Amino acid sequence: FIKEREILTQKDIMDYHLMLGFRLVEGF
């Protein structure tokens, strides 16, 4: 089933929070 796994550090999770959250027009 699984091809790739990315184990996230807290910095990674925060980066994703920003990258995805800024897609929202009202932000986060």
mmCIF file of all heavy atoms, coordinates in Angstrom:
data_MODEL
# 
_entry.id   MODEL 
# 
loop_
_atom_site.group_PDB 
_atom_site.id 
_atom_site.type_symbol 
_atom_site.label_atom_id 
_atom_site.label_alt_id 
_atom_site.label_comp_id 
_atom_site.label_asym_id 
_atom_site.label_entity_id 
_atom_site.label_seq_id 
_atom_site.pdbx_PDB_ins_code 
_atom_site.Cartn_x 
_atom_site.Cartn_y 
_atom_site.Cartn_z 
_atom_site.occupancy 
_atom_site.B_iso_or_equiv 
_atom_site.pdbx_formal_charge 
_atom_site.auth_seq_id 
_atom_site.auth_comp_id 
_atom_site.auth_asym_id 
_atom_site.auth_atom_id 
_atom_site.pdbx_PDB_model_num 
ATOM 1   N N   . PHE A 1 1  ? 0.794   -1.219 0.000  1.00 0.00 ? 1  PHE A N   1 
ATOM 2   C CA  . PHE A 1 1  ? 0.000   0.000  0.000  1.00 0.00 ? 1  PHE A CA  1 
ATOM 3   C C   . PHE A 1 1  ? 0.838   1.286  0.000  1.00 0.00 ? 1  PHE A C   1 
ATOM 4   O O   . PHE A 1 1  ? 0.732   2.104  -0.904 1.00 0.00 ? 1  PHE A O   1 
ATOM 5   C CB  . PHE A 1 1  ? -0.946  0.013  1.204  1.00 0.00 ? 1  PHE A CB  1 
ATOM 6   C CG  . PHE A 1 1  ? -1.909  -1.134 1.228  1.00 0.00 ? 1  PHE A CG  1 
ATOM 7   C CD1 . PHE A 1 1  ? -2.061  -1.918 2.367  1.00 0.00 ? 1  PHE A CD1 1 
ATOM 8   C CD2 . PHE A 1 1  ? -2.675  -1.448 0.112  1.00 0.00 ? 1  PHE A CD2 1 
ATOM 9   C CE1 . PHE A 1 1  ? -2.954  -2.972 2.398  1.00 0.00 ? 1  PHE A CE1 1 
ATOM 10  C CE2 . PHE A 1 1  ? -3.567  -2.509 0.125  1.00 0.00 ? 1  PHE A CE2 1 
ATOM 11  C CZ  . PHE A 1 1  ? -3.703  -3.271 1.277  1.00 0.00 ? 1  PHE A CZ  1 
ATOM 12  N N   . ILE A 1 2  ? 1.656   1.459  1.012  1.00 0.00 ? 2  ILE A N   1 
ATOM 13  C CA  . ILE A 1 2  ? 2.301   2.761  1.208  1.00 0.00 ? 2  ILE A CA  1 
ATOM 14  C C   . ILE A 1 2  ? 3.620   2.865  0.453  1.00 0.00 ? 2  ILE A C   1 
ATOM 15  O O   . ILE A 1 2  ? 4.493   2.003  0.558  1.00 0.00 ? 2  ILE A O   1 
ATOM 16  C CB  . ILE A 1 2  ? 2.513   3.032  2.717  1.00 0.00 ? 2  ILE A CB  1 
ATOM 17  C CG1 . ILE A 1 2  ? 1.153   3.110  3.423  1.00 0.00 ? 2  ILE A CG1 1 
ATOM 18  C CG2 . ILE A 1 2  ? 3.304   4.324  2.933  1.00 0.00 ? 2  ILE A CG2 1 
ATOM 19  C CD1 . ILE A 1 2  ? 1.234   3.343  4.910  1.00 0.00 ? 2  ILE A CD1 1 
ATOM 20  N N   . LYS A 1 3  ? 3.736   3.947  -0.313 1.00 0.00 ? 3  LYS A N   1 
ATOM 21  C CA  . LYS A 1 3  ? 4.953   4.214  -1.086 1.00 0.00 ? 3  LYS A CA  1 
ATOM 22  C C   . LYS A 1 3  ? 5.920   5.103  -0.310 1.00 0.00 ? 3  LYS A C   1 
ATOM 23  O O   . LYS A 1 3  ? 7.126   4.865  -0.288 1.00 0.00 ? 3  LYS A O   1 
ATOM 24  C CB  . LYS A 1 3  ? 4.575   4.894  -2.411 1.00 0.00 ? 3  LYS A CB  1 
ATOM 25  C CG  . LYS A 1 3  ? 5.775   5.288  -3.271 1.00 0.00 ? 3  LYS A CG  1 
ATOM 26  C CD  . LYS A 1 3  ? 5.321   6.105  -4.472 1.00 0.00 ? 3  LYS A CD  1 
ATOM 27  C CE  . LYS A 1 3  ? 6.522   6.574  -5.284 1.00 0.00 ? 3  LYS A CE  1 
ATOM 28  N NZ  . LYS A 1 3  ? 6.114   7.470  -6.395 1.00 0.00 ? 3  LYS A NZ  1 
ATOM 29  N N   . GLU A 1 4  ? 5.404   6.143  0.339  1.00 0.00 ? 4  GLU A N   1 
ATOM 30  C CA  . GLU A 1 4  ? 6.263   7.110  1.031  1.00 0.00 ? 4  GLU A CA  1 
ATOM 31  C C   . GLU A 1 4  ? 5.691   7.447  2.406  1.00 0.00 ? 4  GLU A C   1 
ATOM 32  O O   . GLU A 1 4  ? 4.478   7.582  2.563  1.00 0.00 ? 4  GLU A O   1 
ATOM 33  C CB  . GLU A 1 4  ? 6.379   8.412  0.229  1.00 0.00 ? 4  GLU A CB  1 
ATOM 34  C CG  . GLU A 1 4  ? 7.022   8.241  -1.131 1.00 0.00 ? 4  GLU A CG  1 
ATOM 35  C CD  . GLU A 1 4  ? 6.985   9.521  -1.954 1.00 0.00 ? 4  GLU A CD  1 
ATOM 36  O OE1 . GLU A 1 4  ? 6.408   10.518 -1.453 1.00 0.00 ? 4  GLU A OE1 1 
ATOM 37  O OE2 . GLU A 1 4  ? 7.515   9.526  -3.067 1.00 0.00 ? 4  GLU A OE2 1 
ATOM 38  N N   . ARG A 1 5  ? 6.583   7.595  3.377  1.00 0.00 ? 5  ARG A N   1 
ATOM 39  C CA  . ARG A 1 5  ? 6.204   8.052  4.723  1.00 0.00 ? 5  ARG A CA  1 
ATOM 40  C C   . ARG A 1 5  ? 7.105   9.212  5.106  1.00 0.00 ? 5  ARG A C   1 
ATOM 41  O O   . ARG A 1 5  ? 8.316   9.146  4.933  1.00 0.00 ? 5  ARG A O   1 
ATOM 42  C CB  . ARG A 1 5  ? 6.398   6.938  5.752  1.00 0.00 ? 5  ARG A CB  1 
ATOM 43  C CG  . ARG A 1 5  ? 5.215   6.022  5.949  1.00 0.00 ? 5  ARG A CG  1 
ATOM 44  C CD  . ARG A 1 5  ? 5.428   5.195  7.223  1.00 0.00 ? 5  ARG A CD  1 
ATOM 45  N NE  . ARG A 1 5  ? 4.354   4.239  7.431  1.00 0.00 ? 5  ARG A NE  1 
ATOM 46  C CZ  . ARG A 1 5  ? 4.386   2.991  7.011  1.00 0.00 ? 5  ARG A CZ  1 
ATOM 47  N NH1 . ARG A 1 5  ? 5.438   2.557  6.346  1.00 0.00 ? 5  ARG A NH1 1 
ATOM 48  N NH2 . ARG A 1 5  ? 3.380   2.166  7.242  1.00 0.00 ? 5  ARG A NH2 1 
ATOM 49  N N   . GLU A 1 6  ? 6.527   10.269 5.639  1.00 0.00 ? 6  GLU A N   1 
ATOM 50  C CA  . GLU A 1 6  ? 7.294   11.403 6.131  1.00 0.00 ? 6  GLU A CA  1 
ATOM 51  C C   . GLU A 1 6  ? 6.961   11.585 7.608  1.00 0.00 ? 6  GLU A C   1 
ATOM 52  O O   . GLU A 1 6  ? 5.851   11.979 7.962  1.00 0.00 ? 6  GLU A O   1 
ATOM 53  C CB  . GLU A 1 6  ? 6.932   12.675 5.345  1.00 0.00 ? 6  GLU A CB  1 
ATOM 54  C CG  . GLU A 1 6  ? 7.704   13.901 5.793  1.00 0.00 ? 6  GLU A CG  1 
ATOM 55  C CD  . GLU A 1 6  ? 7.218   15.183 5.122  1.00 0.00 ? 6  GLU A CD  1 
ATOM 56  O OE1 . GLU A 1 6  ? 6.187   15.142 4.415  1.00 0.00 ? 6  GLU A OE1 1 
ATOM 57  O OE2 . GLU A 1 6  ? 7.867   16.223 5.329  1.00 0.00 ? 6  GLU A OE2 1 
ATOM 58  N N   . ILE A 1 7  ? 7.918   11.252 8.484  1.00 0.00 ? 7  ILE A N   1 
ATOM 59  C CA  . ILE A 1 7  ? 7.730   11.427 9.924  1.00 0.00 ? 7  ILE A CA  1 
ATOM 60  C C   . ILE A 1 7  ? 8.065   12.875 10.252 1.00 0.00 ? 7  ILE A C   1 
ATOM 61  O O   . ILE A 1 7  ? 9.185   13.329 10.036 1.00 0.00 ? 7  ILE A O   1 
ATOM 62  C CB  . ILE A 1 7  ? 8.623   10.463 10.722 1.00 0.00 ? 7  ILE A CB  1 
ATOM 63  C CG1 . ILE A 1 7  ? 8.285   9.009  10.343 1.00 0.00 ? 7  ILE A CG1 1 
ATOM 64  C CG2 . ILE A 1 7  ? 8.429   10.668 12.228 1.00 0.00 ? 7  ILE A CG2 1 
ATOM 65  C CD1 . ILE A 1 7  ? 9.217   7.985  10.962 1.00 0.00 ? 7  ILE A CD1 1 
ATOM 66  N N   . LEU A 1 8  ? 7.094   13.609 10.753 1.00 0.00 ? 8  LEU A N   1 
ATOM 67  C CA  . LEU A 1 8  ? 7.229   15.051 10.906 1.00 0.00 ? 8  LEU A CA  1 
ATOM 68  C C   . LEU A 1 8  ? 7.809   15.458 12.252 1.00 0.00 ? 8  LEU A C   1 
ATOM 69  O O   . LEU A 1 8  ? 7.413   14.934 13.296 1.00 0.00 ? 8  LEU A O   1 
ATOM 70  C CB  . LEU A 1 8  ? 5.861   15.721 10.728 1.00 0.00 ? 8  LEU A CB  1 
ATOM 71  C CG  . LEU A 1 8  ? 5.112   15.418 9.435  1.00 0.00 ? 8  LEU A CG  1 
ATOM 72  C CD1 . LEU A 1 8  ? 3.792   16.180 9.420  1.00 0.00 ? 8  LEU A CD1 1 
ATOM 73  C CD2 . LEU A 1 8  ? 5.929   15.776 8.213  1.00 0.00 ? 8  LEU A CD2 1 
ATOM 74  N N   . THR A 1 9  ? 8.735   16.407 12.215 1.00 0.00 ? 9  THR A N   1 
ATOM 75  C CA  . THR A 1 9  ? 9.186   17.075 13.428 1.00 0.00 ? 9  THR A CA  1 
ATOM 76  C C   . THR A 1 9  ? 8.178   18.174 13.757 1.00 0.00 ? 9  THR A C   1 
ATOM 77  O O   . THR A 1 9  ? 7.298   18.488 12.948 1.00 0.00 ? 9  THR A O   1 
ATOM 78  C CB  . THR A 1 9  ? 10.561  17.714 13.209 1.00 0.00 ? 9  THR A CB  1 
ATOM 79  O OG1 . THR A 1 9  ? 10.428  18.752 12.214 1.00 0.00 ? 9  THR A OG1 1 
ATOM 80  C CG2 . THR A 1 9  ? 11.587  16.686 12.737 1.00 0.00 ? 9  THR A CG2 1 
ATOM 81  N N   . GLN A 1 10 ? 8.321   18.785 14.946 1.00 0.00 ? 10 GLN A N   1 
ATOM 82  C CA  . GLN A 1 10 ? 7.415   19.893 15.264 1.00 0.00 ? 10 GLN A CA  1 
ATOM 83  C C   . GLN A 1 10 ? 7.578   21.024 14.266 1.00 0.00 ? 10 GLN A C   1 
ATOM 84  O O   . GLN A 1 10 ? 6.596   21.656 13.876 1.00 0.00 ? 10 GLN A O   1 
ATOM 85  C CB  . GLN A 1 10 ? 7.655   20.412 16.683 1.00 0.00 ? 10 GLN A CB  1 
ATOM 86  C CG  . GLN A 1 10 ? 6.806   21.643 16.993 1.00 0.00 ? 10 GLN A CG  1 
ATOM 87  C CD  . GLN A 1 10 ? 6.473   21.832 18.447 1.00 0.00 ? 10 GLN A CD  1 
ATOM 88  O OE1 . GLN A 1 10 ? 5.971   20.924 19.085 1.00 0.00 ? 10 GLN A OE1 1 
ATOM 89  N NE2 . GLN A 1 10 ? 6.753   23.017 18.964 1.00 0.00 ? 10 GLN A NE2 1 
ATOM 90  N N   . LYS A 1 11 ? 8.824   21.297 13.830 1.00 0.00 ? 11 LYS A N   1 
ATOM 91  C CA  . LYS A 1 11 ? 9.062   22.344 12.826 1.00 0.00 ? 11 LYS A CA  1 
ATOM 92  C C   . LYS A 1 11 ? 8.323   22.012 11.531 1.00 0.00 ? 11 LYS A C   1 
ATOM 93  O O   . LYS A 1 11 ? 7.709   22.890 10.901 1.00 0.00 ? 11 LYS A O   1 
ATOM 94  C CB  . LYS A 1 11 ? 10.566  22.478 12.570 1.00 0.00 ? 11 LYS A CB  1 
ATOM 95  C CG  . LYS A 1 11 ? 10.941  23.465 11.454 1.00 0.00 ? 11 LYS A CG  1 
ATOM 96  C CD  . LYS A 1 11 ? 10.516  24.887 11.786 1.00 0.00 ? 11 LYS A CD  1 
ATOM 97  C CE  . LYS A 1 11 ? 11.207  25.919 10.894 1.00 0.00 ? 11 LYS A CE  1 
ATOM 98  N NZ  . LYS A 1 11 ? 10.973  25.736 9.450  1.00 0.00 ? 11 LYS A NZ  1 
ATOM 99  N N   . ASP A 1 12 ? 8.365   20.748 11.107 1.00 0.00 ? 12 ASP A N   1 
ATOM 100 C CA  . ASP A 1 12 ? 7.644   20.332 9.894  1.00 0.00 ? 12 ASP A CA  1 
ATOM 101 C C   . ASP A 1 12 ? 6.145   20.598 10.037 1.00 0.00 ? 12 ASP A C   1 
ATOM 102 O O   . ASP A 1 12 ? 5.496   21.115 9.126  1.00 0.00 ? 12 ASP A O   1 
ATOM 103 C CB  . ASP A 1 12 ? 7.850   18.835 9.619  1.00 0.00 ? 12 ASP A CB  1 
ATOM 104 C CG  . ASP A 1 12 ? 9.279   18.479 9.287  1.00 0.00 ? 12 ASP A CG  1 
ATOM 105 O OD1 . ASP A 1 12 ? 9.989   19.330 8.713  1.00 0.00 ? 12 ASP A OD1 1 
ATOM 106 O OD2 . ASP A 1 12 ? 9.685   17.341 9.592  1.00 0.00 ? 12 ASP A OD2 1 
ATOM 107 N N   . ILE A 1 13 ? 5.604   20.235 11.200 1.00 0.00 ? 13 ILE A N   1 
ATOM 108 C CA  . ILE A 1 13 ? 4.164   20.396 11.426 1.00 0.00 ? 13 ILE A CA  1 
ATOM 109 C C   . ILE A 1 13 ? 3.782   21.872 11.390 1.00 0.00 ? 13 ILE A C   1 
ATOM 110 O O   . ILE A 1 13 ? 2.765   22.262 10.813 1.00 0.00 ? 13 ILE A O   1 
ATOM 111 C CB  . ILE A 1 13 ? 3.745   19.740 12.757 1.00 0.00 ? 13 ILE A CB  1 
ATOM 112 C CG1 . ILE A 1 13 ? 3.970   18.230 12.692 1.00 0.00 ? 13 ILE A CG1 1 
ATOM 113 C CG2 . ILE A 1 13 ? 2.273   20.026 13.058 1.00 0.00 ? 13 ILE A CG2 1 
ATOM 114 C CD1 . ILE A 1 13 ? 3.835   17.522 14.032 1.00 0.00 ? 13 ILE A CD1 1 
ATOM 115 N N   . MET A 1 14 ? 4.625   22.706 11.999 1.00 0.00 ? 14 MET A N   1 
ATOM 116 C CA  . MET A 1 14 ? 4.366   24.150 11.969 1.00 0.00 ? 14 MET A CA  1 
ATOM 117 C C   . MET A 1 14 ? 4.444   24.684 10.545 1.00 0.00 ? 14 MET A C   1 
ATOM 118 O O   . MET A 1 14 ? 3.623   25.517 10.136 1.00 0.00 ? 14 MET A O   1 
ATOM 119 C CB  . MET A 1 14 ? 5.357   24.879 12.870 1.00 0.00 ? 14 MET A CB  1 
ATOM 120 C CG  . MET A 1 14 ? 5.131   24.661 14.353 1.00 0.00 ? 14 MET A CG  1 
ATOM 121 S SD  . MET A 1 14 ? 6.085   25.795 15.420 1.00 0.00 ? 14 MET A SD  1 
ATOM 122 C CE  . MET A 1 14 ? 7.757   25.335 15.015 1.00 0.00 ? 14 MET A CE  1 
ATOM 123 N N   . ASP A 1 15 ? 5.417   24.214 9.775  1.00 0.00 ? 15 ASP A N   1 
ATOM 124 C CA  . ASP A 1 15 ? 5.543   24.648 8.378  1.00 0.00 ? 15 ASP A CA  1 
ATOM 125 C C   . ASP A 1 15 ? 4.286   24.295 7.585  1.00 0.00 ? 15 ASP A C   1 
ATOM 126 O O   . ASP A 1 15 ? 3.771   25.104 6.812  1.00 0.00 ? 15 ASP A O   1 
ATOM 127 C CB  . ASP A 1 15 ? 6.765   24.018 7.722  1.00 0.00 ? 15 ASP A CB  1 
ATOM 128 C CG  . ASP A 1 15 ? 8.085   24.611 8.201  1.00 0.00 ? 15 ASP A CG  1 
ATOM 129 O OD1 . ASP A 1 15 ? 8.044   25.625 8.936  1.00 0.00 ? 15 ASP A OD1 1 
ATOM 130 O OD2 . ASP A 1 15 ? 9.145   24.070 7.840  1.00 0.00 ? 15 ASP A OD2 1 
ATOM 131 N N   . TYR A 1 16 ? 3.795   23.065 7.782  1.00 0.00 ? 16 TYR A N   1 
ATOM 132 C CA  . TYR A 1 16 ? 2.564   22.657 7.097  1.00 0.00 ? 16 TYR A CA  1 
ATOM 133 C C   . TYR A 1 16 ? 1.393   23.525 7.542  1.00 0.00 ? 16 TYR A C   1 
ATOM 134 O O   . TYR A 1 16 ? 0.531   23.886 6.732  1.00 0.00 ? 16 TYR A O   1 
ATOM 135 C CB  . TYR A 1 16 ? 2.256   21.181 7.375  1.00 0.00 ? 16 TYR A CB  1 
ATOM 136 C CG  . TYR A 1 16 ? 2.932   20.217 6.439  1.00 0.00 ? 16 TYR A CG  1 
ATOM 137 C CD1 . TYR A 1 16 ? 3.940   19.352 6.890  1.00 0.00 ? 16 TYR A CD1 1 
ATOM 138 C CD2 . TYR A 1 16 ? 2.568   20.141 5.098  1.00 0.00 ? 16 TYR A CD2 1 
ATOM 139 C CE1 . TYR A 1 16 ? 4.551   18.452 6.024  1.00 0.00 ? 16 TYR A CE1 1 
ATOM 140 C CE2 . TYR A 1 16 ? 3.174   19.245 4.240  1.00 0.00 ? 16 TYR A CE2 1 
ATOM 141 C CZ  . TYR A 1 16 ? 4.165   18.406 4.703  1.00 0.00 ? 16 TYR A CZ  1 
ATOM 142 O OH  . TYR A 1 16 ? 4.772   17.522 3.851  1.00 0.00 ? 16 TYR A OH  1 
ATOM 143 N N   . HIS A 1 17 ? 1.351   23.833 8.843  1.00 0.00 ? 17 HIS A N   1 
ATOM 144 C CA  . HIS A 1 17 ? 0.274   24.685 9.376  1.00 0.00 ? 17 HIS A CA  1 
ATOM 145 C C   . HIS A 1 17 ? 0.250   26.020 8.637  1.00 0.00 ? 17 HIS A C   1 
ATOM 146 O O   . HIS A 1 17 ? -0.821  26.514 8.241  1.00 0.00 ? 17 HIS A O   1 
ATOM 147 C CB  . HIS A 1 17 ? 0.497   24.903 10.876 1.00 0.00 ? 17 HIS A CB  1 
ATOM 148 C CG  . HIS A 1 17 ? -0.679  25.464 11.595 1.00 0.00 ? 17 HIS A CG  1 
ATOM 149 N ND1 . HIS A 1 17 ? -1.217  24.879 12.705 1.00 0.00 ? 17 HIS A ND1 1 
ATOM 150 C CD2 . HIS A 1 17 ? -1.449  26.572 11.369 1.00 0.00 ? 17 HIS A CD2 1 
ATOM 151 C CE1 . HIS A 1 17 ? -2.253  25.583 13.132 1.00 0.00 ? 17 HIS A CE1 1 
ATOM 152 N NE2 . HIS A 1 17 ? -2.402  26.629 12.336 1.00 0.00 ? 17 HIS A NE2 1 
ATOM 153 N N   . LEU A 1 18 ? 1.432   26.592 8.420  1.00 0.00 ? 18 LEU A N   1 
ATOM 154 C CA  . LEU A 1 18 ? 1.516   27.864 7.695  1.00 0.00 ? 18 LEU A CA  1 
ATOM 155 C C   . LEU A 1 18 ? 1.147   27.699 6.224  1.00 0.00 ? 18 LEU A C   1 
ATOM 156 O O   . LEU A 1 18 ? 0.319   28.440 5.688  1.00 0.00 ? 18 LEU A O   1 
ATOM 157 C CB  . LEU A 1 18 ? 2.930   28.444 7.803  1.00 0.00 ? 18 LEU A CB  1 
ATOM 158 C CG  . LEU A 1 18 ? 3.111   29.553 8.843  1.00 0.00 ? 18 LEU A CG  1 
ATOM 159 C CD1 . LEU A 1 18 ? 3.045   28.984 10.253 1.00 0.00 ? 18 LEU A CD1 1 
ATOM 160 C CD2 . LEU A 1 18 ? 4.430   30.277 8.630  1.00 0.00 ? 18 LEU A CD2 1 
ATOM 161 N N   . MET A 1 19 ? 1.769   26.724 5.566  1.00 0.00 ? 19 MET A N   1 
ATOM 162 C CA  . MET A 1 19 ? 1.555   26.558 4.123  1.00 0.00 ? 19 MET A CA  1 
ATOM 163 C C   . MET A 1 19 ? 0.091   26.294 3.796  1.00 0.00 ? 19 MET A C   1 
ATOM 164 O O   . MET A 1 19 ? -0.451  26.835 2.825  1.00 0.00 ? 19 MET A O   1 
ATOM 165 C CB  . MET A 1 19 ? 2.423   25.420 3.586  1.00 0.00 ? 19 MET A CB  1 
ATOM 166 C CG  . MET A 1 19 ? 3.901   25.751 3.548  1.00 0.00 ? 19 MET A CG  1 
ATOM 167 S SD  . MET A 1 19 ? 4.878   24.470 2.706  1.00 0.00 ? 19 MET A SD  1 
ATOM 168 C CE  . MET A 1 19 ? 4.730   23.092 3.852  1.00 0.00 ? 19 MET A CE  1 
ATOM 169 N N   . LEU A 1 20 ? -0.543  25.467 4.604  1.00 0.00 ? 20 LEU A N   1 
ATOM 170 C CA  . LEU A 1 20 ? -1.947  25.139 4.361  1.00 0.00 ? 20 LEU A CA  1 
ATOM 171 C C   . LEU A 1 20 ? -2.863  26.241 4.868  1.00 0.00 ? 20 LEU A C   1 
ATOM 172 O O   . LEU A 1 20 ? -3.839  26.608 4.205  1.00 0.00 ? 20 LEU A O   1 
ATOM 173 C CB  . LEU A 1 20 ? -2.285  23.801 5.042  1.00 0.00 ? 20 LEU A CB  1 
ATOM 174 C CG  . LEU A 1 20 ? -1.543  22.591 4.484  1.00 0.00 ? 20 LEU A CG  1 
ATOM 175 C CD1 . LEU A 1 20 ? -1.703  21.384 5.408  1.00 0.00 ? 20 LEU A CD1 1 
ATOM 176 C CD2 . LEU A 1 20 ? -2.039  22.248 3.088  1.00 0.00 ? 20 LEU A CD2 1 
ATOM 177 N N   . GLY A 1 21 ? -2.540  26.787 6.038  1.00 0.00 ? 21 GLY A N   1 
ATOM 178 C CA  . GLY A 1 21 ? -3.381  27.819 6.630  1.00 0.00 ? 21 GLY A CA  1 
ATOM 179 C C   . GLY A 1 21 ? -3.454  29.083 5.799  1.00 0.00 ? 21 GLY A C   1 
ATOM 180 O O   . GLY A 1 21 ? -4.493  29.762 5.757  1.00 0.00 ? 21 GLY A O   1 
ATOM 181 N N   . PHE A 1 22 ? -2.360  29.413 5.114  1.00 0.00 ? 22 PHE A N   1 
ATOM 182 C CA  . PHE A 1 22 ? -2.354  30.607 4.282  1.00 0.00 ? 22 PHE A CA  1 
ATOM 183 C C   . PHE A 1 22 ? -3.124  30.405 2.974  1.00 0.00 ? 22 PHE A C   1 
ATOM 184 O O   . PHE A 1 22 ? -3.355  31.359 2.240  1.00 0.00 ? 22 PHE A O   1 
ATOM 185 C CB  . PHE A 1 22 ? -0.931  31.073 3.996  1.00 0.00 ? 22 PHE A CB  1 
ATOM 186 C CG  . PHE A 1 22 ? -0.336  31.899 5.104  1.00 0.00 ? 22 PHE A CG  1 
ATOM 187 C CD1 . PHE A 1 22 ? 0.940   31.657 5.571  1.00 0.00 ? 22 PHE A CD1 1 
ATOM 188 C CD2 . PHE A 1 22 ? -1.069  32.925 5.697  1.00 0.00 ? 22 PHE A CD2 1 
ATOM 189 C CE1 . PHE A 1 22 ? 1.487   32.423 6.595  1.00 0.00 ? 22 PHE A CE1 1 
ATOM 190 C CE2 . PHE A 1 22 ? -0.542  33.696 6.725  1.00 0.00 ? 22 PHE A CE2 1 
ATOM 191 C CZ  . PHE A 1 22 ? 0.740   33.441 7.173  1.00 0.00 ? 22 PHE A CZ  1 
ATOM 192 N N   . ARG A 1 23 ? -3.519  29.180 2.665  1.00 0.00 ? 23 ARG A N   1 
ATOM 193 C CA  . ARG A 1 23 ? -4.424  28.963 1.529  1.00 0.00 ? 23 ARG A CA  1 
ATOM 194 C C   . ARG A 1 23 ? -5.828  29.488 1.846  1.00 0.00 ? 23 ARG A C   1 
ATOM 195 O O   . ARG A 1 23 ? -6.591  29.818 0.939  1.00 0.00 ? 23 ARG A O   1 
ATOM 196 C CB  . ARG A 1 23 ? -4.499  27.481 1.151  1.00 0.00 ? 23 ARG A CB  1 
ATOM 197 C CG  . ARG A 1 23 ? -3.241  26.934 0.500  1.00 0.00 ? 23 ARG A CG  1 
ATOM 198 C CD  . ARG A 1 23 ? -3.491  25.567 -0.115 1.00 0.00 ? 23 ARG A CD  1 
ATOM 199 N NE  . ARG A 1 23 ? -4.470  25.655 -1.194 1.00 0.00 ? 23 ARG A NE  1 
ATOM 200 C CZ  . ARG A 1 23 ? -4.176  25.901 -2.460 1.00 0.00 ? 23 ARG A CZ  1 
ATOM 201 N NH1 . ARG A 1 23 ? -2.933  26.110 -2.823 1.00 0.00 ? 23 ARG A NH1 1 
ATOM 202 N NH2 . ARG A 1 23 ? -5.128  25.956 -3.377 1.00 0.00 ? 23 ARG A NH2 1 
ATOM 203 N N   . LEU A 1 24 ? -6.146  29.533 3.143  1.00 0.00 ? 24 LEU A N   1 
ATOM 204 C CA  . LEU A 1 24 ? -7.440  30.074 3.557  1.00 0.00 ? 24 LEU A CA  1 
ATOM 205 C C   . LEU A 1 24 ? -7.396  31.594 3.470  1.00 0.00 ? 24 LEU A C   1 
ATOM 206 O O   . LEU A 1 24 ? -6.457  32.217 3.973  1.00 0.00 ? 24 LEU A O   1 
ATOM 207 C CB  . LEU A 1 24 ? -7.776  29.632 4.980  1.00 0.00 ? 24 LEU A CB  1 
ATOM 208 C CG  . LEU A 1 24 ? -7.999  28.127 5.158  1.00 0.00 ? 24 LEU A CG  1 
ATOM 209 C CD1 . LEU A 1 24 ? -8.072  27.771 6.630  1.00 0.00 ? 24 LEU A CD1 1 
ATOM 210 C CD2 . LEU A 1 24 ? -9.269  27.694 4.436  1.00 0.00 ? 24 LEU A CD2 1 
ATOM 211 N N   . VAL A 1 25 ? -8.392  32.173 2.842  1.00 0.00 ? 25 VAL A N   1 
ATOM 212 C CA  . VAL A 1 25 ? -8.403  33.622 2.628  1.00 0.00 ? 25 VAL A CA  1 
ATOM 213 C C   . VAL A 1 25 ? -8.372  34.371 3.957  1.00 0.00 ? 25 VAL A C   1 
ATOM 214 O O   . VAL A 1 25 ? -7.733  35.424 4.070  1.00 0.00 ? 25 VAL A O   1 
ATOM 215 C CB  . VAL A 1 25 ? -9.632  34.026 1.780  1.00 0.00 ? 25 VAL A CB  1 
ATOM 216 C CG1 . VAL A 1 25 ? -9.727  35.538 1.642  1.00 0.00 ? 25 VAL A CG1 1 
ATOM 217 C CG2 . VAL A 1 25 ? -9.541  33.377 0.395  1.00 0.00 ? 25 VAL A CG2 1 
ATOM 218 N N   . GLU A 1 26 ? -9.029  33.824 4.978  1.00 0.00 ? 26 GLU A N   1 
ATOM 219 C CA  . GLU A 1 26 ? -9.037  34.462 6.295  1.00 0.00 ? 26 GLU A CA  1 
ATOM 220 C C   . GLU A 1 26 ? -7.847  34.043 7.160  1.00 0.00 ? 26 GLU A C   1 
ATOM 221 O O   . GLU A 1 26 ? -7.707  34.482 8.304  1.00 0.00 ? 26 GLU A O   1 
ATOM 222 C CB  . GLU A 1 26 ? -10.344 34.138 7.017  1.00 0.00 ? 26 GLU A CB  1 
ATOM 223 C CG  . GLU A 1 26 ? -11.565 34.747 6.322  1.00 0.00 ? 26 GLU A CG  1 
ATOM 224 C CD  . GLU A 1 26 ? -12.867 34.371 6.996  1.00 0.00 ? 26 GLU A CD  1 
ATOM 225 O OE1 . GLU A 1 26 ? -12.821 33.586 7.978  1.00 0.00 ? 26 GLU A OE1 1 
ATOM 226 O OE2 . GLU A 1 26 ? -13.925 34.845 6.556  1.00 0.00 ? 26 GLU A OE2 1 
ATOM 227 N N   . GLY A 1 27 ? -6.975  33.179 6.628  1.00 0.00 ? 27 GLY A N   1 
ATOM 228 C CA  . GLY A 1 27 ? -5.779  32.780 7.342  1.00 0.00 ? 27 GLY A CA  1 
ATOM 229 C C   . GLY A 1 27 ? -6.050  31.930 8.565  1.00 0.00 ? 27 GLY A C   1 
ATOM 230 O O   . GLY A 1 27 ? -6.998  31.146 8.594  1.00 0.00 ? 27 GLY A O   1 
ATOM 231 N N   . PHE A 1 28 ? -5.226  32.088 9.590  1.00 0.00 ? 28 PHE A N   1 
ATOM 232 C CA  . PHE A 1 28 ? -5.370  31.277 10.796 1.00 0.00 ? 28 PHE A CA  1 
ATOM 233 C C   . PHE A 1 28 ? -5.110  32.118 12.034 1.00 0.00 ? 28 PHE A C   1 
ATOM 234 O O   . PHE A 1 28 ? -4.484  33.186 11.977 1.00 0.00 ? 28 PHE A O   1 
ATOM 235 C CB  . PHE A 1 28 ? -4.435  30.068 10.754 1.00 0.00 ? 28 PHE A CB  1 
ATOM 236 C CG  . PHE A 1 28 ? -2.974  30.420 10.642 1.00 0.00 ? 28 PHE A CG  1 
ATOM 237 C CD1 . PHE A 1 28 ? -2.193  30.614 11.767 1.00 0.00 ? 28 PHE A CD1 1 
ATOM 238 C CD2 . PHE A 1 28 ? -2.373  30.553 9.389  1.00 0.00 ? 28 PHE A CD2 1 
ATOM 239 C CE1 . PHE A 1 28 ? -0.851  30.934 11.665 1.00 0.00 ? 28 PHE A CE1 1 
ATOM 240 C CE2 . PHE A 1 28 ? -1.026  30.879 9.275  1.00 0.00 ? 28 PHE A CE2 1 
ATOM 241 C CZ  . PHE A 1 28 ? -0.256  31.070 10.420 1.00 0.00 ? 28 PHE A CZ  1 
# 
